Amino acid sequence: MTTLVLCVDRTNDISRKTGLSMPVVGWEAVRSLVTEVGLSDPEDSSVNCLLEALRVTRELRDEREDAEVAVISGTSDTTVGLDRSVALQLDDLVATYDAEAAVVVIDSAEDERLVPVVESRLRVDAVDRVVVRQAHDIESTYYLLKQFLADEELRSTVLVPLGVGLLLLPLLLVQFTPAVALAGLAALAGAVFLYKGLAIDKFLSETQEQIRDTLYSGQVSVVTYAVAAGLAIVGIFLGALEIRGPAMEGDVLVPSVLFVYHSVPWLALAALTASAGRLLDELIGSEGVPSSYMNLPFGVIAIGLVVRGFAGYLLERQGFLDHLVLLGQVELSPVQRLAMFITAGIIISLVGVRISASVSNETFEDVVEQRNES
């Protein structure tokens, strides 16, 4: 029976740095792997883990035991997939070498999570945890600090916010109480953490590149997006004007509905303008137009009608809106008004589906099926 000396790597660092497939089995193969990992990253603790696995294997062989060294690693992008890939590699090793026991060599708490996986298939005689000894003197501290300062990303992430905070602290203490000053610094630190944690800096840089590419490409949507932004601002402004007044003080629901009722037409017109620009770009730059771009203007109009219908129904029930009169003679009740707007929205949506299907040479059922899938 064979005892397996297993160097486990749950995060797949060894395979990713060397490009080798796992598992790696055998004394010579693992000794060559040590060189490959060391040349790839001399500061990686996996080098010490591999050397420890070789040392344990040599000791077992000196004691006349049948020992074989192997390196197993997770090869998946998911947590469950990592453990399952290690389990499959372990099953192959057990079947190939007829192993009955194992010595597990690990160098981190993450790798230690694989010990139960090994125990479910082999008797684990020992778990060898490799701890790398490092000098904590002034020279090593200076070396680590020098490495930190040489990393441009770490400097911009840590030192710049820290320097700004230290500069603001005296100014805040002079103008405000210590509690307010500390609260301001805490808010600044939170904003910096969110800025980096949510990758807002990458999003802003990508947005700038997209805007620049769009401006240089001469697309019609550049103009229509600017017009849409102006229409949206007008809609928000007019909606805000409608909810001003002493009659609206102390109430939240009615002003909210009034804002929606008066701003929705302008917001829908803004969305319609933006979608029209996108549609024109597709018409100019390609032979065919996807059905989704054809559906969008009709969908915007339909949604605007439905939202305005519901808002008008609520306001009319509360007496904030007069009854709708058709052709100067037919006065509609609130329910009839709502039904008319909903029906108009449905009809416009169906017309959009039919037109987009005819333009894109798709059947009506195909377009409906695409909408359901999306």
Protein backbone atom coordinates (compact mmCIF):
# COMPACT_ATOMS: atom_id res chain seq x y z
CA MET A 1 0.00 0.00 0.00
CA THR A 2 1.15 3.52 -0.83
CA THR A 3 1.11 6.65 1.29
CA LEU A 4 0.40 9.79 -0.71
CA VAL A 5 2.12 13.00 0.31
CA LEU A 6 -0.30 15.61 -1.02
CA CYS A 7 0.54 19.26 -1.53
CA VAL A 8 -2.89 20.84 -1.97
CA ASP A 9 -3.55 24.16 -3.67
CA ARG A 10 -7.21 25.08 -3.50
CA THR A 11 -6.91 28.46 -5.27
CA ASN A 12 -5.07 27.02 -8.30
CA ASP A 13 -2.09 29.38 -7.89
CA ILE A 14 0.47 26.76 -8.92
CA SER A 15 -1.30 25.74 -12.12
CA ARG A 16 -2.07 29.34 -13.08
CA LYS A 17 1.53 30.52 -12.65
CA THR A 18 3.19 27.57 -14.37
CA GLY A 19 0.56 26.67 -16.96
CA LEU A 20 0.80 22.96 -16.06
CA SER A 21 -2.20 20.69 -15.74
CA MET A 22 -2.92 19.03 -12.42
CA PRO A 23 -2.19 16.70 -10.74
CA VAL A 24 1.61 16.59 -10.86
CA VAL A 25 2.89 13.25 -9.52
CA GLY A 26 6.36 11.93 -8.86
CA TRP A 27 9.58 13.09 -7.22
CA GLU A 28 11.25 14.45 -10.34
CA ALA A 29 8.06 16.12 -11.63
CA VAL A 30 7.41 17.91 -8.33
CA ARG A 31 11.07 18.94 -8.00
CA SER A 32 10.88 20.51 -11.48
CA LEU A 33 7.63 22.16 -10.49
CA VAL A 34 9.40 23.84 -7.54
CA THR A 35 11.77 25.48 -9.99
CA GLU A 36 8.94 26.61 -12.26
CA VAL A 37 6.94 28.15 -9.40
CA GLY A 38 10.03 29.76 -7.90
CA LEU A 39 11.01 31.37 -11.19
CA SER A 40 7.44 32.58 -11.73
CA ASP A 41 7.07 34.11 -8.25
CA PRO A 42 9.99 33.75 -5.81
CA GLU A 43 7.92 35.22 -2.97
CA ASP A 44 5.12 32.67 -3.28
CA SER A 45 4.68 30.44 -0.22
CA SER A 46 3.73 27.57 -2.54
CA VAL A 47 7.45 27.04 -3.15
CA ASN A 48 7.91 26.21 0.54
CA CYS A 49 4.84 23.98 0.48
CA LEU A 50 6.24 21.96 -2.44
CA LEU A 51 9.66 21.65 -0.79
CA GLU A 52 8.03 20.47 2.43
CA ALA A 53 6.11 17.81 0.50
CA LEU A 54 9.39 16.58 -1.01
CA ARG A 55 11.07 16.54 2.42
CA VAL A 56 8.24 14.52 3.99
CA THR A 57 8.35 12.07 1.07
CA ARG A 58 12.10 11.58 1.52
CA GLU A 59 11.69 10.93 5.24
CA LEU A 60 8.99 8.33 4.62
CA ARG A 61 11.12 6.58 2.02
CA ASP A 62 14.10 6.60 4.40
CA GLU A 63 11.86 4.72 6.85
CA ARG A 64 11.23 2.09 4.15
CA GLU A 65 7.68 3.22 3.44
CA ASP A 66 6.17 3.26 -0.04
CA ALA A 67 5.49 6.98 -0.44
CA GLU A 68 4.59 9.04 -3.50
CA VAL A 69 4.47 12.82 -3.69
CA ALA A 70 1.73 14.59 -5.64
CA VAL A 71 0.35 18.09 -6.15
CA ILE A 72 -3.40 18.57 -6.55
CA SER A 73 -5.07 21.87 -7.32
CA GLY A 74 -8.55 23.28 -7.83
CA THR A 75 -9.28 23.97 -11.48
CA SER A 76 -12.65 25.72 -11.51
CA ASP A 77 -14.13 29.21 -11.19
CA THR A 78 -16.73 28.30 -8.55
CA THR A 79 -16.29 27.27 -4.92
CA VAL A 80 -18.05 23.95 -5.38
CA GLY A 81 -16.20 23.33 -8.63
CA LEU A 82 -12.83 23.81 -6.89
CA ASP A 83 -13.54 21.11 -4.32
CA ARG A 84 -15.01 18.75 -6.91
CA SER A 85 -12.00 19.07 -9.22
CA VAL A 86 -9.69 18.25 -6.31
CA ALA A 87 -11.89 15.25 -5.44
CA LEU A 88 -11.67 13.93 -9.02
CA GLN A 89 -7.87 14.27 -9.06
CA LEU A 90 -7.69 12.50 -5.73
CA ASP A 91 -9.89 9.63 -6.95
CA ASP A 92 -7.54 9.10 -9.91
CA LEU A 93 -4.49 9.04 -7.63
CA VAL A 94 -6.08 6.53 -5.24
CA ALA A 95 -7.06 4.26 -8.12
CA THR A 96 -3.65 4.51 -9.81
CA TYR A 97 -1.38 4.02 -6.78
CA ASP A 98 -3.70 1.89 -4.60
CA ALA A 99 -3.18 4.36 -1.74
CA GLU A 100 -4.57 3.82 1.74
CA ALA A 101 -3.18 6.81 3.67
CA ALA A 102 -2.15 10.38 3.05
CA VAL A 103 -0.05 13.15 4.54
CA VAL A 104 -1.50 16.54 3.63
CA VAL A 105 0.85 19.51 3.28
CA ILE A 106 -0.76 22.97 3.28
CA ASP A 107 0.44 26.57 3.53
CA SER A 108 -2.78 28.53 4.16
CA ALA A 109 -6.17 28.35 5.84
CA GLU A 110 -7.80 28.27 2.39
CA ASP A 111 -5.95 25.05 1.51
CA GLU A 112 -6.89 23.54 4.86
CA ARG A 113 -10.54 23.48 3.75
CA LEU A 114 -9.60 20.57 1.44
CA VAL A 115 -8.59 18.31 4.33
CA PRO A 116 -12.17 16.93 4.77
CA VAL A 117 -12.24 16.14 1.04
CA VAL A 118 -9.06 14.08 1.42
CA GLU A 119 -10.36 12.44 4.61
CA SER A 120 -13.49 11.28 2.78
CA ARG A 121 -11.31 9.14 0.48
CA LEU A 122 -8.13 8.33 2.42
CA ARG A 123 -6.92 7.92 5.98
CA VAL A 124 -5.11 11.14 6.81
CA ASP A 125 -2.12 10.30 9.01
CA ALA A 126 -0.89 13.89 9.37
CA VAL A 127 -1.54 17.48 8.31
CA ASP A 128 1.68 19.44 7.82
CA ARG A 129 1.17 23.20 7.98
CA VAL A 130 4.03 25.15 6.43
CA VAL A 131 4.75 28.48 8.12
CA VAL A 132 7.42 30.59 6.41
CA ARG A 133 9.82 32.21 8.85
CA GLN A 134 10.57 35.84 8.07
CA ALA A 135 12.92 38.31 9.70
CA HIS A 136 11.11 41.14 11.47
CA ASP A 137 14.09 43.44 11.87
CA ILE A 138 14.56 46.99 10.65
CA GLU A 139 16.11 45.93 7.37
CA SER A 140 13.18 43.72 6.32
CA THR A 141 10.70 46.39 7.40
CA TYR A 142 12.52 48.93 5.25
CA TYR A 143 12.49 46.49 2.33
CA LEU A 144 8.72 45.92 2.62
CA LEU A 145 8.08 49.66 2.89
CA LYS A 146 10.22 50.27 -0.20
CA GLN A 147 8.23 47.66 -2.13
CA PHE A 148 4.99 49.30 -1.01
CA LEU A 149 6.10 52.74 -2.14
CA ALA A 150 7.23 51.35 -5.51
CA ASP A 151 3.72 50.08 -6.27
CA GLU A 152 1.90 52.94 -8.01
CA GLU A 153 -1.58 51.47 -7.53
CA LEU A 154 -1.08 50.99 -3.78
CA ARG A 155 0.26 54.52 -3.44
CA SER A 156 -2.74 56.06 -5.18
CA THR A 157 -5.17 53.85 -3.26
CA VAL A 158 -3.75 54.25 0.26
CA LEU A 159 -1.38 57.19 0.51
CA VAL A 160 -3.43 59.77 -1.46
CA PRO A 161 -6.64 59.40 0.61
CA LEU A 162 -4.57 59.29 3.81
CA GLY A 163 -2.73 62.47 2.84
CA VAL A 164 -5.96 64.27 1.95
CA GLY A 165 -7.48 63.23 5.28
CA LEU A 166 -4.48 64.49 7.25
CA LEU A 167 -4.61 67.82 5.40
CA LEU A 168 -8.33 68.24 6.04
CA LEU A 169 -8.18 67.29 9.71
CA PRO A 170 -6.63 70.58 10.98
CA LEU A 171 -9.02 72.65 8.85
CA LEU A 172 -12.05 70.74 10.14
CA LEU A 173 -10.88 71.00 13.75
CA VAL A 174 -10.49 74.78 13.41
CA GLN A 175 -13.93 75.29 11.89
CA PHE A 176 -15.96 72.58 13.65
CA THR A 177 -16.09 70.47 16.78
CA PRO A 178 -13.95 67.31 17.02
CA ALA A 179 -17.05 65.15 16.55
CA VAL A 180 -17.97 66.89 13.29
CA ALA A 181 -14.37 66.73 12.07
CA LEU A 182 -14.09 63.00 12.74
CA ALA A 183 -17.48 62.42 11.11
CA GLY A 184 -16.32 64.27 8.01
CA LEU A 185 -13.12 62.22 7.81
CA ALA A 186 -15.09 58.99 8.28
CA ALA A 187 -17.42 60.01 5.45
CA LEU A 188 -14.40 60.78 3.24
CA ALA A 189 -12.84 57.40 4.00
CA GLY A 190 -16.15 55.66 3.28
CA ALA A 191 -16.46 57.45 -0.04
CA VAL A 192 -12.92 56.42 -1.02
CA PHE A 193 -13.57 52.78 -0.08
CA LEU A 194 -16.80 52.72 -2.09
CA TYR A 195 -15.10 54.45 -5.00
CA LYS A 196 -12.44 51.75 -5.18
CA GLY A 197 -14.59 48.83 -4.04
CA LEU A 198 -17.32 49.43 -6.62
CA ALA A 199 -14.72 50.11 -9.34
CA ILE A 200 -16.24 53.52 -10.05
CA ASP A 201 -12.89 54.75 -11.34
CA LYS A 202 -12.84 52.06 -14.03
CA PHE A 203 -16.46 52.81 -14.91
CA LEU A 204 -15.71 56.53 -15.31
CA SER A 205 -12.65 55.87 -17.45
CA GLU A 206 -14.61 53.50 -19.69
CA THR A 207 -17.45 56.02 -19.92
CA GLN A 208 -15.06 58.76 -21.04
CA GLU A 209 -13.66 56.50 -23.75
CA GLN A 210 -17.16 55.57 -24.93
CA ILE A 211 -18.23 59.23 -25.08
CA ARG A 212 -15.08 60.17 -26.99
CA ASP A 213 -15.53 57.30 -29.46
CA THR A 214 -19.17 58.26 -29.94
CA LEU A 215 -18.31 61.91 -30.63
CA TYR A 216 -15.63 60.99 -33.14
CA SER A 217 -17.87 58.47 -34.91
CA GLY A 218 -20.42 61.12 -35.89
CA GLN A 219 -23.44 59.16 -34.70
CA VAL A 220 -26.87 60.77 -34.71
CA SER A 221 -27.51 59.43 -31.20
CA VAL A 222 -25.03 61.96 -29.78
CA VAL A 223 -27.40 64.80 -30.61
CA THR A 224 -30.54 62.91 -29.67
CA TYR A 225 -29.06 61.94 -26.29
CA ALA A 226 -28.35 65.62 -25.58
CA VAL A 227 -31.91 66.53 -26.59
CA ALA A 228 -33.25 63.68 -24.44
CA ALA A 229 -31.29 64.95 -21.43
CA GLY A 230 -32.75 68.44 -21.93
CA LEU A 231 -36.29 67.07 -22.21
CA ALA A 232 -35.81 65.00 -19.08
CA ILE A 233 -34.64 68.08 -17.15
CA VAL A 234 -37.67 70.02 -18.39
CA GLY A 235 -39.97 67.20 -17.29
CA ILE A 236 -38.45 67.02 -13.82
CA PHE A 237 -38.59 70.82 -13.49
CA LEU A 238 -42.25 71.04 -14.54
CA GLY A 239 -43.17 68.16 -12.25
CA ALA A 240 -41.46 69.89 -9.34
CA LEU A 241 -43.33 73.14 -10.06
CA GLU A 242 -46.69 71.36 -9.85
CA ILE A 243 -46.08 70.08 -6.32
CA ARG A 244 -45.11 73.45 -4.89
CA GLY A 245 -47.64 75.24 -2.77
CA PRO A 246 -49.08 75.33 0.76
CA ALA A 247 -51.77 72.77 -0.13
CA MET A 248 -49.09 70.14 -0.64
CA GLU A 249 -47.33 70.59 2.70
CA GLY A 250 -47.49 67.62 5.04
CA ASP A 251 -48.58 65.21 2.32
CA VAL A 252 -46.38 62.86 0.33
CA LEU A 253 -48.63 60.64 -1.78
CA VAL A 254 -50.55 63.28 -3.75
CA PRO A 255 -47.46 65.41 -4.62
CA SER A 256 -45.69 62.27 -5.79
CA VAL A 257 -48.55 61.33 -8.10
CA LEU A 258 -48.77 64.92 -9.37
CA PHE A 259 -45.06 64.90 -10.12
CA VAL A 260 -45.39 61.65 -12.07
CA TYR A 261 -48.46 62.85 -13.98
CA HIS A 262 -46.87 66.09 -15.19
CA SER A 263 -43.33 64.80 -15.77
CA VAL A 264 -44.12 61.49 -17.50
CA PRO A 265 -44.96 63.02 -20.92
CA TRP A 266 -41.64 64.84 -21.02
CA LEU A 267 -39.69 61.84 -19.72
CA ALA A 268 -41.39 59.59 -22.28
CA LEU A 269 -40.56 62.11 -25.01
CA ALA A 270 -36.92 62.11 -23.83
CA ALA A 271 -36.76 58.32 -23.99
CA LEU A 272 -38.47 58.38 -27.39
CA THR A 273 -35.91 60.88 -28.71
CA ALA A 274 -32.98 58.82 -27.45
CA SER A 275 -34.38 55.60 -28.93
CA ALA A 276 -35.07 57.36 -32.23
CA GLY A 277 -31.41 58.41 -32.43
CA ARG A 278 -30.29 54.88 -31.73
CA LEU A 279 -32.67 53.60 -34.40
CA LEU A 280 -31.31 56.06 -36.95
CA ASP A 281 -27.76 54.93 -36.20
CA GLU A 282 -28.77 51.34 -36.87
CA LEU A 283 -30.49 52.31 -40.09
CA ILE A 284 -27.42 54.22 -41.30
CA GLY A 285 -24.76 51.78 -40.21
CA SER A 286 -26.29 48.39 -41.04
CA GLU A 287 -28.43 46.71 -43.63
CA GLY A 288 -31.04 45.42 -41.20
CA VAL A 289 -32.48 46.76 -37.97
CA PRO A 290 -32.94 44.41 -34.98
CA SER A 291 -36.53 44.08 -33.87
CA SER A 292 -35.60 45.29 -30.37
CA TYR A 293 -34.67 48.75 -31.71
CA MET A 294 -37.94 48.93 -33.65
CA ASN A 295 -39.95 47.90 -30.59
CA LEU A 296 -38.34 50.43 -28.26
CA PRO A 297 -40.10 53.65 -29.42
CA PHE A 298 -43.50 51.99 -29.34
CA GLY A 299 -42.76 50.49 -25.95
CA VAL A 300 -41.78 53.89 -24.56
CA ILE A 301 -45.02 55.48 -25.78
CA ALA A 302 -47.09 52.58 -24.43
CA ILE A 303 -45.48 52.73 -20.99
CA GLY A 304 -45.85 56.52 -20.87
CA LEU A 305 -49.58 56.25 -21.64
CA VAL A 306 -50.15 53.56 -19.02
CA VAL A 307 -48.25 55.42 -16.27
CA ARG A 308 -49.98 58.70 -17.07
CA GLY A 309 -53.34 56.91 -17.11
CA PHE A 310 -52.88 55.48 -13.62
CA ALA A 311 -51.59 58.81 -12.26
CA GLY A 312 -54.54 60.65 -13.81
CA TYR A 313 -56.98 58.12 -12.35
CA LEU A 314 -55.64 58.63 -8.82
CA LEU A 315 -55.60 62.42 -9.12
CA GLU A 316 -59.11 62.54 -10.58
CA ARG A 317 -60.44 60.40 -7.73
CA GLN A 318 -58.98 62.88 -5.23
CA GLY A 319 -60.32 65.94 -7.06
CA PHE A 320 -56.96 67.28 -8.18
CA LEU A 321 -57.77 66.75 -11.85
CA ASP A 322 -60.82 67.56 -13.96
CA HIS A 323 -62.76 64.90 -15.82
CA LEU A 324 -61.52 64.14 -19.31
CA VAL A 325 -63.88 65.33 -22.06
CA LEU A 326 -63.68 63.82 -25.54
CA LEU A 327 -64.65 65.89 -28.59
CA GLY A 328 -66.04 68.55 -26.27
CA GLN A 329 -69.13 66.45 -25.43
CA VAL A 330 -68.36 63.02 -23.95
CA GLU A 331 -67.21 63.22 -20.33
CA LEU A 332 -65.31 60.17 -19.09
CA SER A 333 -65.36 58.80 -15.56
CA PRO A 334 -62.05 58.02 -13.81
CA VAL A 335 -62.40 54.31 -14.60
CA GLN A 336 -63.19 55.02 -18.26
CA ARG A 337 -60.22 57.36 -18.45
CA LEU A 338 -57.90 54.68 -17.05
CA ALA A 339 -59.32 52.02 -19.38
CA MET A 340 -58.80 54.28 -22.39
CA PHE A 341 -55.13 54.93 -21.56
CA ILE A 342 -54.45 51.24 -20.87
CA THR A 343 -56.16 50.20 -24.10
CA ALA A 344 -54.20 52.79 -26.07
CA GLY A 345 -50.94 51.54 -24.54
CA ILE A 346 -51.71 47.93 -25.44
CA ILE A 347 -52.72 48.84 -28.99
CA ILE A 348 -49.53 50.87 -29.54
CA SER A 349 -47.41 48.04 -28.16
CA LEU A 350 -49.06 45.53 -30.52
CA VAL A 351 -48.63 47.90 -33.45
CA GLY A 352 -44.93 48.17 -32.59
CA VAL A 353 -44.56 44.40 -32.54
CA ARG A 354 -46.30 44.08 -35.88
CA ILE A 355 -44.24 46.83 -37.53
CA SER A 356 -40.93 45.53 -36.16
CA ALA A 357 -41.79 42.04 -37.38
CA SER A 358 -42.53 43.27 -40.89
CA VAL A 359 -39.40 45.43 -41.08
CA SER A 360 -37.01 42.77 -39.74
CA ASN A 361 -38.59 39.95 -41.77
CA GLU A 362 -39.58 38.09 -38.63
CA THR A 363 -42.92 36.55 -37.83
CA PHE A 364 -45.19 37.99 -35.18
CA GLU A 365 -44.71 34.87 -33.07
CA ASP A 366 -40.90 35.19 -33.28
CA VAL A 367 -40.95 38.74 -31.94
CA VAL A 368 -43.32 37.82 -29.10
CA GLU A 369 -41.13 34.84 -28.23
CA GLN A 370 -38.03 37.08 -28.16
CA ARG A 371 -39.79 39.47 -25.79
CA ASN A 372 -40.76 36.65 -23.46
CA GLU A 373 -37.19 35.31 -23.41
CA SER A 374 -35.73 38.73 -22.65
